[in-house]
N, C-alpha and C. Protein backbone atom coordinates (compact mmCIF):
# COMPACT_ATOMS: atom_id res chain seq x y z
N MET A 1 119.47 108.18 106.99
CA MET A 1 118.12 108.11 107.77
C MET A 1 117.25 107.44 106.94
N THR A 2 116.56 106.65 107.63
CA THR A 2 115.46 105.73 107.03
C THR A 2 114.25 106.91 106.58
N ARG A 3 113.19 106.31 105.65
CA ARG A 3 112.19 107.32 105.02
C ARG A 3 111.27 107.25 106.27
N ASN A 4 111.01 106.36 107.06
CA ASN A 4 109.97 106.45 108.47
C ASN A 4 110.57 107.38 109.59
N CYS A 5 111.84 107.32 109.57
CA CYS A 5 112.57 108.22 110.49
C CYS A 5 112.57 109.70 110.15
N THR A 6 112.72 109.96 108.84
CA THR A 6 112.35 111.41 108.11
C THR A 6 111.29 111.76 108.45
N ARG A 7 110.05 111.02 108.02
CA ARG A 7 108.75 111.55 108.16
C ARG A 7 108.41 111.93 109.70
N ARG A 8 108.72 111.12 110.50
CA ARG A 8 108.39 111.23 112.17
C ARG A 8 109.57 112.67 112.47
N LEU A 9 110.64 112.62 111.79
CA LEU A 9 111.19 114.14 112.42
C LEU A 9 110.43 115.33 111.49
N LEU A 10 109.96 115.02 110.25
CA LEU A 10 109.17 116.35 109.70
C LEU A 10 108.07 116.43 110.82
N LEU A 11 107.10 115.48 111.13
CA LEU A 11 106.02 115.83 111.52
C LEU A 11 106.24 116.34 112.96
N ALA A 12 107.42 115.94 113.61
CA ALA A 12 107.40 116.62 114.74
C ALA A 12 107.86 118.22 114.84
N LEU A 13 108.46 118.71 113.59
CA LEU A 13 109.02 119.88 113.30
C LEU A 13 107.67 120.48 112.90
N CYS A 14 107.11 119.93 112.12
CA CYS A 14 105.48 120.88 111.71
C CYS A 14 104.75 121.11 112.73
N LEU A 15 104.35 120.29 113.75
CA LEU A 15 103.61 120.18 114.77
C LEU A 15 104.28 121.42 115.71
N ALA A 16 105.12 121.37 115.63
CA ALA A 16 105.92 122.75 116.66
C ALA A 16 105.85 124.07 116.31
N LEU A 17 105.79 123.98 114.98
CA LEU A 17 105.73 125.29 114.41
C LEU A 17 104.23 126.17 114.26
N PRO A 18 104.35 127.17 114.82
CA PRO A 18 102.87 127.75 114.65
C PRO A 18 102.49 128.07 112.89
N ALA A 19 101.28 128.39 113.08
CA ALA A 19 100.75 128.55 111.52
C ALA A 19 99.73 129.80 111.41
N GLY A 20 99.80 130.62 110.20
CA GLY A 20 98.55 131.61 110.78
C GLY A 20 99.25 133.00 111.02
N CYS A 21 98.66 134.15 110.37
CA CYS A 21 99.29 135.44 110.93
C CYS A 21 98.35 136.57 110.39
N GLY A 22 98.76 137.46 111.00
CA GLY A 22 97.56 138.85 111.10
C GLY A 22 96.94 138.35 112.07
N THR A 23 95.25 138.86 111.55
CA THR A 23 94.31 138.91 112.60
C THR A 23 93.78 137.64 112.89
N SER A 24 93.73 136.84 111.61
CA SER A 24 93.05 135.10 111.58
C SER A 24 93.70 134.42 112.67
N PRO A 25 92.37 133.32 113.00
CA PRO A 25 92.87 132.58 114.25
C PRO A 25 94.08 131.99 113.54
N PRO A 26 95.16 131.40 114.09
CA PRO A 26 96.18 130.74 113.99
C PRO A 26 95.60 129.10 113.53
N THR A 27 96.18 128.72 112.49
CA THR A 27 95.89 127.28 111.72
C THR A 27 96.77 126.30 113.16
N HIS A 28 96.05 125.02 113.37
CA HIS A 28 96.49 124.32 114.25
C HIS A 28 96.70 122.82 113.53
N TYR A 29 97.49 122.12 113.27
CA TYR A 29 97.80 120.86 112.51
C TYR A 29 97.67 119.70 113.50
N HIS A 30 96.99 118.84 113.24
CA HIS A 30 97.06 117.57 113.71
C HIS A 30 97.43 116.47 113.22
N ALA A 31 97.80 115.29 113.53
CA ALA A 31 98.05 114.05 113.37
C ALA A 31 98.01 112.88 113.77
N LEU A 32 97.17 111.58 113.12
CA LEU A 32 97.27 110.27 113.82
C LEU A 32 98.29 109.63 114.12
N LEU A 33 99.50 109.94 113.23
CA LEU A 33 100.80 109.52 113.67
C LEU A 33 101.51 110.42 114.64
N ARG A 34 101.95 109.66 115.71
CA ARG A 34 102.38 110.49 116.91
C ARG A 34 104.03 110.72 116.69
N PRO A 35 104.46 112.02 116.98
CA PRO A 35 106.07 112.05 116.93
C PRO A 35 106.98 111.18 117.64
N ASP A 36 106.38 110.64 118.80
CA ASP A 36 106.99 110.33 119.74
C ASP A 36 106.83 108.68 119.47
N ASP A 37 106.13 107.95 118.23
CA ASP A 37 106.22 106.66 118.00
C ASP A 37 107.31 106.21 117.88
N ALA A 38 107.49 104.73 118.44
CA ALA A 38 108.85 104.17 118.33
C ALA A 38 108.83 103.57 116.71
N LEU A 39 109.97 103.71 116.41
CA LEU A 39 110.32 103.07 115.06
C LEU A 39 109.87 101.90 114.78
N PRO A 40 109.69 100.97 113.81
CA PRO A 40 109.62 99.70 113.93
C PRO A 40 110.55 98.90 114.13
N ALA A 41 110.68 97.92 114.85
CA ALA A 41 111.60 96.80 114.98
C ALA A 41 112.22 96.51 113.96
N SER A 42 113.69 95.99 114.21
CA SER A 42 114.34 95.50 112.82
C SER A 42 114.33 94.20 113.13
N GLY A 43 114.35 93.26 111.83
CA GLY A 43 114.36 92.06 111.86
C GLY A 43 114.24 91.43 110.36
N GLN A 44 114.13 90.49 110.17
CA GLN A 44 113.63 90.04 108.78
C GLN A 44 112.17 89.75 108.68
N ALA A 45 111.97 89.82 107.24
CA ALA A 45 110.28 89.69 107.25
C ALA A 45 110.15 88.15 106.76
N ARG A 46 108.88 87.91 107.55
CA ARG A 46 108.26 86.65 107.56
C ARG A 46 107.36 86.67 106.54
N MET A 47 106.76 87.58 106.22
CA MET A 47 105.56 87.45 104.99
C MET A 47 105.62 89.01 104.43
N LEU A 48 105.06 89.15 103.00
CA LEU A 48 104.83 90.23 102.57
C LEU A 48 103.42 90.65 102.13
N VAL A 49 103.05 91.94 102.49
CA VAL A 49 101.74 92.38 102.74
C VAL A 49 101.55 93.32 101.22
N GLU A 50 100.81 93.38 100.73
CA GLU A 50 100.35 94.31 99.47
C GLU A 50 99.19 95.22 100.18
N ILE A 51 99.39 96.43 100.92
CA ILE A 51 98.63 97.19 101.58
C ILE A 51 98.10 98.31 100.61
N LEU A 52 96.54 97.93 100.10
CA LEU A 52 96.60 99.08 98.94
C LEU A 52 96.14 100.57 99.45
N PRO A 53 95.68 101.30 98.76
CA PRO A 53 95.62 102.67 99.56
C PRO A 53 93.98 102.51 100.08
N ILE A 54 93.80 103.16 101.11
CA ILE A 54 92.71 103.47 101.90
C ILE A 54 91.74 103.67 101.58
N ALA A 55 90.32 103.38 101.12
CA ALA A 55 89.34 103.96 100.49
C ALA A 55 88.74 104.72 101.66
N VAL A 56 88.35 105.67 101.20
CA VAL A 56 88.03 106.90 102.32
C VAL A 56 86.94 107.51 101.62
N PRO A 57 85.83 107.92 102.61
CA PRO A 57 84.50 108.52 102.11
C PRO A 57 85.08 109.75 101.57
N GLU A 58 84.10 110.38 100.59
CA GLU A 58 84.85 111.74 100.41
C GLU A 58 84.42 112.81 101.29
N ALA A 59 83.57 112.71 102.11
CA ALA A 59 83.32 113.61 103.20
C ALA A 59 84.69 113.59 104.25
N LEU A 60 85.39 112.64 104.30
CA LEU A 60 86.79 112.71 104.94
C LEU A 60 88.06 113.29 104.41
N THR A 61 87.97 113.30 103.07
CA THR A 61 89.08 113.57 102.12
C THR A 61 89.55 115.21 102.60
N ARG A 62 88.48 115.92 103.23
CA ARG A 62 88.86 117.33 103.59
C ARG A 62 90.24 117.75 104.62
N SER A 63 90.85 118.45 104.50
CA SER A 63 91.91 118.75 105.36
C SER A 63 91.66 119.28 106.57
N ASN A 64 90.14 119.69 106.98
CA ASN A 64 89.76 120.34 108.20
C ASN A 64 89.48 119.24 109.05
N LEU A 65 89.65 119.49 110.42
CA LEU A 65 88.89 118.38 111.24
C LEU A 65 87.52 118.57 111.56
N VAL A 66 86.80 117.89 111.27
CA VAL A 66 85.31 117.49 111.68
C VAL A 66 85.04 117.26 112.89
N LEU A 67 84.14 117.76 113.60
CA LEU A 67 83.53 117.14 114.80
C LEU A 67 82.31 117.51 114.91
N THR A 68 81.43 116.51 115.68
CA THR A 68 79.97 115.99 115.80
C THR A 68 79.93 116.29 117.53
N ASP A 69 78.58 117.08 117.39
CA ASP A 69 78.18 117.01 118.79
C ASP A 69 77.07 116.22 118.97
N GLU A 70 76.90 115.99 120.16
CA GLU A 70 75.68 115.10 120.79
C GLU A 70 74.33 114.87 119.82
N ALA A 71 73.77 116.01 119.41
CA ALA A 71 72.57 115.94 118.54
C ALA A 71 73.10 115.72 117.26
N GLY A 72 74.14 115.04 116.55
CA GLY A 72 74.59 114.66 115.46
C GLY A 72 74.83 115.84 114.83
N GLN A 73 75.03 117.13 115.08
CA GLN A 73 75.37 118.19 114.14
C GLN A 73 76.99 118.32 113.90
N VAL A 74 77.15 118.42 112.78
CA VAL A 74 78.56 118.43 112.13
C VAL A 74 79.25 120.03 112.19
N THR A 75 80.33 119.96 112.73
CA THR A 75 81.30 121.16 112.58
C THR A 75 82.51 121.10 111.95
N VAL A 76 82.69 122.02 111.02
CA VAL A 76 84.23 122.00 110.21
C VAL A 76 84.77 122.86 110.68
N MET A 77 85.90 122.43 111.43
CA MET A 77 86.84 123.33 112.06
C MET A 77 87.84 124.28 111.14
N GLU A 78 87.57 125.56 110.83
CA GLU A 78 88.31 126.18 109.89
C GLU A 78 89.98 126.13 110.33
N ALA A 79 90.18 126.32 111.52
CA ALA A 79 91.64 126.39 112.01
C ALA A 79 92.33 125.00 112.70
N GLU A 80 91.33 124.13 112.38
CA GLU A 80 91.97 122.83 113.07
C GLU A 80 92.40 122.00 111.74
N ARG A 81 93.15 121.58 111.19
CA ARG A 81 93.43 120.75 110.24
C ARG A 81 94.18 119.46 110.37
N TRP A 82 94.32 118.71 109.22
CA TRP A 82 94.90 117.53 109.33
C TRP A 82 96.32 117.88 108.81
N LEU A 83 97.54 117.27 109.04
CA LEU A 83 98.85 117.34 108.33
C LEU A 83 99.01 116.80 107.47
N SER A 84 98.51 115.44 107.32
CA SER A 84 98.31 114.85 106.17
C SER A 84 97.11 114.13 105.76
N PRO A 85 96.78 113.50 104.79
CA PRO A 85 95.31 112.87 104.36
C PRO A 85 94.89 111.75 105.55
N ILE A 86 93.81 111.73 105.62
CA ILE A 86 93.72 110.65 107.04
C ILE A 86 93.98 109.35 106.28
N GLY A 87 93.33 109.01 105.16
CA GLY A 87 93.58 107.62 104.66
C GLY A 87 95.46 107.35 104.41
N ASP A 88 96.13 108.31 104.29
CA ASP A 88 97.82 107.96 104.21
C ASP A 88 98.08 107.67 105.69
N GLU A 89 97.59 108.93 106.68
CA GLU A 89 98.13 108.38 107.90
C GLU A 89 97.64 106.79 108.55
N LEU A 90 96.65 106.60 108.59
CA LEU A 90 95.96 105.33 108.65
C LEU A 90 96.94 104.39 107.97
N ARG A 91 97.15 104.25 106.61
CA ARG A 91 97.74 103.15 106.10
C ARG A 91 99.38 103.25 106.86
N GLN A 92 100.24 104.26 107.16
CA GLN A 92 101.29 104.00 107.60
C GLN A 92 101.16 103.61 109.41
N ILE A 93 100.25 103.96 109.98
CA ILE A 93 100.05 103.15 111.38
C ILE A 93 99.39 101.94 110.82
N LEU A 94 98.90 101.39 110.05
CA LEU A 94 99.00 100.13 109.63
C LEU A 94 99.91 99.24 109.29
N ALA A 95 100.80 100.08 108.45
CA ALA A 95 102.14 99.27 107.85
C ALA A 95 103.12 99.11 109.19
N ASP A 96 103.12 100.29 110.08
CA ASP A 96 103.90 100.07 111.20
C ASP A 96 103.76 98.54 111.97
N SER A 97 102.09 98.68 112.18
CA SER A 97 101.78 97.80 113.20
C SER A 97 101.98 96.29 112.64
N LEU A 98 101.52 96.24 111.18
CA LEU A 98 101.81 94.81 110.72
C LEU A 98 103.36 94.06 111.01
N TRP A 99 104.21 95.35 110.61
CA TRP A 99 105.60 94.91 110.71
C TRP A 99 105.94 94.67 112.29
N LYS A 100 105.63 95.42 113.10
CA LYS A 100 105.74 95.18 114.49
C LYS A 100 105.16 93.71 115.09
N THR A 101 103.80 93.57 114.69
CA THR A 101 103.32 92.44 115.24
C THR A 101 103.69 91.13 114.29
N ALA A 102 103.83 91.29 113.33
CA ALA A 102 103.47 89.78 112.18
C ALA A 102 104.93 90.21 111.14
N ARG A 103 105.76 90.89 111.52
CA ARG A 103 106.95 91.07 110.78
C ARG A 103 106.41 90.66 109.05
N ALA A 104 105.38 91.89 108.77
CA ALA A 104 104.88 91.47 107.54
C ALA A 104 105.41 92.89 106.98
N SER A 105 106.16 92.83 105.61
CA SER A 105 106.31 94.21 105.35
C SER A 105 105.71 94.39 104.05
N ASP A 106 105.47 95.74 103.84
CA ASP A 106 104.52 96.58 103.08
C ASP A 106 105.59 96.82 101.88
N THR A 107 104.78 95.81 100.84
CA THR A 107 105.33 96.01 99.20
C THR A 107 105.34 97.07 98.73
N TYR A 108 104.44 98.34 99.17
CA TYR A 108 104.35 99.59 98.56
C TYR A 108 105.29 100.08 99.05
N GLN A 109 105.63 100.10 100.42
CA GLN A 109 106.80 100.78 100.97
C GLN A 109 108.38 100.68 100.70
N ALA A 110 108.50 99.30 100.55
CA ALA A 110 109.67 98.53 100.83
C ALA A 110 109.86 97.95 99.35
N PRO A 111 111.29 98.08 98.55
CA PRO A 111 111.20 97.47 97.66
C PRO A 111 111.79 95.72 97.71
N VAL A 112 111.27 94.96 96.86
CA VAL A 112 111.32 93.58 97.59
C VAL A 112 112.44 92.86 96.40
N SER A 113 113.28 92.53 97.46
CA SER A 113 114.57 92.12 96.69
C SER A 113 114.76 90.87 96.40
N GLY A 114 115.34 90.15 95.64
CA GLY A 114 115.46 88.63 95.33
C GLY A 114 115.47 87.63 96.37
N SER A 115 115.99 87.93 97.54
CA SER A 115 116.25 87.35 98.76
C SER A 115 114.83 87.23 99.55
N VAL A 116 113.57 87.71 98.97
CA VAL A 116 112.41 87.60 99.88
C VAL A 116 111.08 87.22 98.80
N VAL A 117 111.55 87.12 97.47
CA VAL A 117 110.22 87.05 96.66
C VAL A 117 109.87 85.59 97.08
N THR A 118 110.32 84.70 97.76
CA THR A 118 109.54 83.17 97.98
C THR A 118 108.97 83.58 99.27
N LEU A 119 108.96 84.66 100.04
CA LEU A 119 108.02 84.68 101.24
C LEU A 119 106.43 84.88 100.69
N PRO A 120 105.57 84.26 101.48
CA PRO A 120 104.00 84.31 101.13
C PRO A 120 103.62 85.74 100.90
N LEU A 121 102.69 86.24 100.14
CA LEU A 121 102.62 87.42 99.81
C LEU A 121 100.73 87.37 100.30
N TYR A 122 100.53 88.50 100.69
CA TYR A 122 99.08 88.79 100.88
C TYR A 122 98.74 90.28 100.14
N ARG A 123 97.37 90.14 100.15
CA ARG A 123 96.87 91.79 99.40
C ARG A 123 95.83 92.14 100.60
N LEU A 124 95.93 93.29 100.96
CA LEU A 124 95.33 93.99 102.21
C LEU A 124 94.33 94.78 101.64
N ALA A 125 93.23 94.91 101.41
CA ALA A 125 92.31 96.22 101.25
C ALA A 125 91.27 96.59 102.44
N VAL A 126 91.02 97.72 102.72
CA VAL A 126 91.03 98.36 103.82
C VAL A 126 89.64 99.52 103.32
N ARG A 127 88.48 99.42 103.68
CA ARG A 127 87.74 100.63 103.57
C ARG A 127 87.39 101.69 104.83
N LEU A 128 87.58 102.68 104.99
CA LEU A 128 86.94 103.33 106.29
C LEU A 128 85.58 103.87 106.02
N ASP A 129 84.55 103.49 106.91
CA ASP A 129 83.23 103.88 106.88
C ASP A 129 83.04 105.11 107.70
N ARG A 130 83.75 105.15 109.02
CA ARG A 130 83.13 106.15 109.94
C ARG A 130 84.20 106.66 110.49
N PHE A 131 84.62 107.79 110.53
CA PHE A 131 85.64 108.20 111.26
C PHE A 131 85.34 109.47 112.03
N GLU A 132 84.92 109.71 113.36
CA GLU A 132 84.04 110.70 113.84
C GLU A 132 84.48 110.85 115.16
N ALA A 133 84.45 112.16 115.94
CA ALA A 133 84.78 112.63 116.74
C ALA A 133 83.40 113.45 117.77
N VAL A 134 82.93 112.77 119.24
CA VAL A 134 82.15 113.89 119.74
C VAL A 134 82.93 114.43 121.21
N PRO A 135 83.03 115.47 121.07
CA PRO A 135 84.11 116.19 122.16
C PRO A 135 83.76 115.77 123.34
N ASP A 136 84.37 115.54 124.34
CA ASP A 136 83.86 114.91 125.61
C ASP A 136 83.25 113.79 125.91
N ARG A 137 83.15 113.24 124.89
CA ARG A 137 82.23 111.87 124.82
C ARG A 137 82.96 110.74 123.99
N ALA A 138 82.98 110.50 122.99
CA ALA A 138 83.63 109.32 122.22
C ALA A 138 84.20 109.54 120.87
N ALA A 139 84.98 108.78 120.25
CA ALA A 139 85.41 108.89 119.45
C ALA A 139 84.97 107.32 118.50
N VAL A 140 84.93 107.56 117.29
CA VAL A 140 84.30 106.10 116.45
C VAL A 140 85.12 106.01 115.37
N VAL A 141 85.64 104.56 115.14
CA VAL A 141 86.85 104.41 113.53
C VAL A 141 85.72 102.96 113.25
N ASP A 142 84.99 102.93 112.24
CA ASP A 142 84.34 102.08 111.46
C ASP A 142 85.26 101.82 110.34
N ALA A 143 85.71 100.23 110.16
CA ALA A 143 86.35 99.96 109.23
C ALA A 143 86.22 98.61 108.65
N SER A 144 86.06 98.32 107.36
CA SER A 144 85.90 96.84 106.77
C SER A 144 87.08 96.77 106.06
N TRP A 145 87.88 95.21 106.14
CA TRP A 145 88.79 94.92 105.26
C TRP A 145 88.80 93.55 104.72
N THR A 146 89.40 93.05 103.57
CA THR A 146 89.74 91.97 103.03
C THR A 146 91.09 91.45 102.92
N LEU A 147 91.57 90.27 103.24
CA LEU A 147 92.78 89.67 103.07
C LEU A 147 92.48 88.56 102.00
N ARG A 148 93.65 88.45 101.02
CA ARG A 148 93.83 87.44 100.25
C ARG A 148 95.19 86.78 100.02
N ARG A 149 95.41 85.48 99.94
CA ARG A 149 96.88 85.17 99.73
C ARG A 149 96.84 85.25 98.43
N LEU A 150 97.84 85.95 97.63
CA LEU A 150 98.38 85.77 96.08
C LEU A 150 98.94 84.65 96.00
N PRO A 151 99.01 84.14 94.53
CA PRO A 151 97.76 84.56 93.61
C PRO A 151 96.60 84.41 93.47
N GLY A 152 96.21 83.01 94.40
CA GLY A 152 95.01 82.36 93.89
C GLY A 152 94.13 82.29 95.19
N GLY A 153 94.77 82.73 96.28
CA GLY A 153 93.82 82.72 97.52
C GLY A 153 92.54 82.94 97.39
N ALA A 154 91.45 82.33 98.58
CA ALA A 154 90.36 83.06 98.52
C ALA A 154 90.28 84.36 99.36
N VAL A 155 89.64 84.77 99.18
CA VAL A 155 89.07 86.57 99.56
C VAL A 155 88.29 86.33 101.24
N GLN A 156 88.82 86.82 102.14
CA GLN A 156 88.22 86.76 103.72
C GLN A 156 88.27 88.01 104.29
N GLY A 157 87.02 88.49 104.72
CA GLY A 157 86.74 89.82 105.06
C GLY A 157 86.44 90.00 106.58
N CYS A 158 86.24 91.09 107.17
CA CYS A 158 86.00 91.47 108.44
C CYS A 158 85.69 92.78 108.39
N ARG A 159 84.89 93.13 109.65
CA ARG A 159 84.78 94.61 110.07
C ARG A 159 84.84 94.59 111.38
N TRP A 160 85.26 95.99 111.58
CA TRP A 160 84.96 96.45 113.32
C TRP A 160 84.99 97.88 113.31
N ALA A 161 84.25 98.03 114.73
CA ALA A 161 83.89 99.54 114.88
C ALA A 161 84.21 99.62 116.20
N GLY A 162 85.37 100.57 116.30
CA GLY A 162 85.51 100.84 117.84
C GLY A 162 85.18 102.20 118.58
N ARG A 163 84.90 102.24 119.76
CA ARG A 163 84.76 103.80 120.30
C ARG A 163 86.04 103.87 121.18
N GLN A 164 86.40 104.84 121.21
CA GLN A 164 87.72 105.56 122.08
C GLN A 164 87.00 106.85 123.03
N PRO A 165 86.94 106.86 124.38
CA PRO A 165 86.86 108.03 124.97
C PRO A 165 87.46 109.41 124.52
N VAL A 166 86.90 110.24 124.43
CA VAL A 166 87.23 111.56 124.16
C VAL A 166 87.65 112.43 125.61
N ASP A 167 88.54 112.75 126.33
CA ASP A 167 88.96 113.18 127.44
C ASP A 167 89.17 115.04 127.33
N GLY A 168 87.91 115.43 126.93
CA GLY A 168 87.77 116.94 126.52
C GLY A 168 87.16 117.08 125.47
N ARG A 169 87.00 118.83 125.33
CA ARG A 169 86.28 119.27 124.42
C ARG A 169 87.15 120.06 122.99
N ASP A 170 88.36 119.80 123.12
CA ASP A 170 89.33 120.48 122.28
C ASP A 170 89.37 119.57 121.30
N ALA A 171 90.15 120.37 120.25
CA ALA A 171 90.23 119.39 119.15
C ALA A 171 91.67 118.55 119.24
N ALA A 172 92.35 118.80 120.13
CA ALA A 172 93.70 117.82 120.59
C ALA A 172 93.28 116.51 121.02
N SER A 173 92.22 116.78 122.20
CA SER A 173 91.30 115.69 122.53
C SER A 173 90.90 114.55 121.81
N ALA A 174 90.47 115.18 120.62
CA ALA A 174 89.54 114.45 119.78
C ALA A 174 90.22 113.63 118.81
N THR A 175 91.46 114.08 118.53
CA THR A 175 92.70 113.81 117.62
C THR A 175 93.08 112.43 118.40
N ALA A 176 93.48 112.81 119.34
CA ALA A 176 94.22 111.80 120.49
C ALA A 176 93.34 110.28 120.33
N ALA A 177 92.02 110.76 120.73
CA ALA A 177 90.91 109.67 120.80
C ALA A 177 90.99 108.67 119.26
N LEU A 178 91.05 110.01 118.11
CA LEU A 178 91.09 109.07 116.78
C LEU A 178 92.06 108.30 116.42
N SER A 179 93.39 108.77 117.03
CA SER A 179 94.70 107.80 116.83
C SER A 179 94.70 107.01 117.55
N ALA A 180 94.18 106.79 118.95
CA ALA A 180 94.01 105.70 119.58
C ALA A 180 93.11 104.49 119.21
N ALA A 181 91.92 105.06 118.40
CA ALA A 181 91.28 104.22 118.07
C ALA A 181 91.67 103.40 116.43
N SER A 182 92.38 104.14 115.97
CA SER A 182 93.02 103.58 114.71
C SER A 182 93.83 103.25 114.82
N ARG A 183 94.64 102.95 116.16
CA ARG A 183 95.81 101.73 116.31
C ARG A 183 95.14 100.63 116.68
N ARG A 184 93.95 100.58 117.61
CA ARG A 184 93.49 99.20 117.77
C ARG A 184 92.77 98.75 116.49
N LEU A 185 92.31 99.63 115.59
CA LEU A 185 91.90 99.00 114.25
C LEU A 185 93.12 98.33 113.79
N ALA A 186 94.13 98.88 113.52
CA ALA A 186 95.40 98.24 113.08
C ALA A 186 95.94 97.02 113.67
N ASP A 187 95.60 96.93 114.99
CA ASP A 187 95.72 95.37 116.24
C ASP A 187 94.96 94.52 115.53
N ARG A 188 93.79 94.77 115.16
CA ARG A 188 92.62 93.65 114.69
C ARG A 188 93.18 93.47 113.51
N ILE A 189 93.34 94.12 112.42
CA ILE A 189 94.09 93.96 111.51
C ILE A 189 95.11 93.02 111.27
N GLY A 190 96.01 93.04 112.12
CA GLY A 190 96.87 92.38 112.64
C GLY A 190 96.79 90.96 113.07
N ASP A 191 95.77 90.99 113.83
CA ASP A 191 95.42 89.62 114.21
C ASP A 191 94.82 88.86 113.19
N SER A 192 94.13 89.41 112.34
CA SER A 192 93.82 88.70 111.03
C SER A 192 94.43 87.85 110.16
N LEU A 193 95.52 88.95 109.99
CA LEU A 193 96.54 88.75 109.13
C LEU A 193 97.29 87.16 109.49
N ARG A 194 97.52 87.31 110.95
CA ARG A 194 98.41 86.20 111.52
C ARG A 194 97.61 84.86 111.44
N HIS A 195 96.63 84.78 111.83
CA HIS A 195 95.39 83.91 111.64
C HIS A 195 95.36 83.20 110.04
N VAL A 196 95.40 84.00 109.30
CA VAL A 196 95.25 83.90 107.88
C VAL A 196 96.28 83.17 107.54
N ALA A 197 97.70 83.58 107.69
CA ALA A 197 98.94 83.19 107.28
C ALA A 197 99.07 81.73 108.03
N ALA A 198 98.69 81.60 109.29
CA ALA A 198 98.61 80.18 109.76
C ALA A 198 97.80 79.46 109.08
N GLY A 199 96.82 79.83 108.22
CA GLY A 199 96.08 78.74 107.52
C GLY A 199 94.97 78.66 108.23
N GLN A 200 94.40 79.63 109.38
CA GLN A 200 93.46 79.55 109.99
C GLN A 200 92.06 80.44 109.30
N GLU A 201 90.82 80.02 109.82
CA GLU A 201 89.55 80.96 109.70
C GLU A 201 89.98 82.23 109.83
N LEU A 202 89.82 83.24 108.97
CA LEU A 202 89.89 84.66 109.64
C LEU A 202 89.00 85.04 110.62
N PRO A 203 89.42 85.09 112.00
CA PRO A 203 88.36 85.43 113.04
C PRO A 203 88.02 87.27 112.93
N CYS A 204 86.99 87.62 112.93
CA CYS A 204 86.15 88.91 113.12
C CYS A 204 85.80 89.07 114.35
N PRO A 205 86.83 90.30 114.84
CA PRO A 205 86.37 91.03 116.11
C PRO A 205 85.12 91.28 116.36
N ASP A 206 84.94 91.44 117.52
CA ASP A 206 83.36 91.70 118.14
C ASP A 206 83.21 93.08 117.70
N GLU A 207 82.94 93.59 117.33
CA GLU A 207 82.56 95.43 117.05
C GLU A 207 82.87 96.33 118.28
N SER A 208 82.07 95.41 119.54
CA SER A 208 82.29 96.42 120.37
C SER A 208 83.72 96.51 121.14
N GLN A 209 84.48 95.49 120.76
CA GLN A 209 85.74 95.41 121.54
C GLN A 209 86.79 96.47 120.75
């Protein structure tokens, strides 16, 4: 069983198990990765990408889900928690997306064998600046990234801020919207990688898209 397959199986099992005991409210775990996500398609890699660990603000490193109301007040949800660090899940979503759309293999996840060392190699750095949800309104994911072909290519960068409707006031609705916005971010980054790989200027998407 592959590592991705094992991870998704564990994710499905963890989300299915109740947590908490006694009189305390049960703890619910949420994930950006979905248990029913399709595994990446098979095939030969066309390029390699070194996806660096995603830079996440200190405020987003907590395991608790944080929701924002219409007035901008922040509420830390003690009984609603992320299954894994946000940066780790975003990185996995990105790695899956780049493989599916560009056949770009993440060198941090898969060993590079002698048969592929001649493939073009790129370095991708992503910084998450905003990651919040307002129940019954919208979720916002704001991030910037840079791409560079190794060893001596020029650094090119973009930024994108996407809004996704939140269809409800519960934590599950908020995390579903954040998950969808995260996938849209991954798609934008995939588009930019394909352009750079084709020798074109990096197309920065409109922040409203």
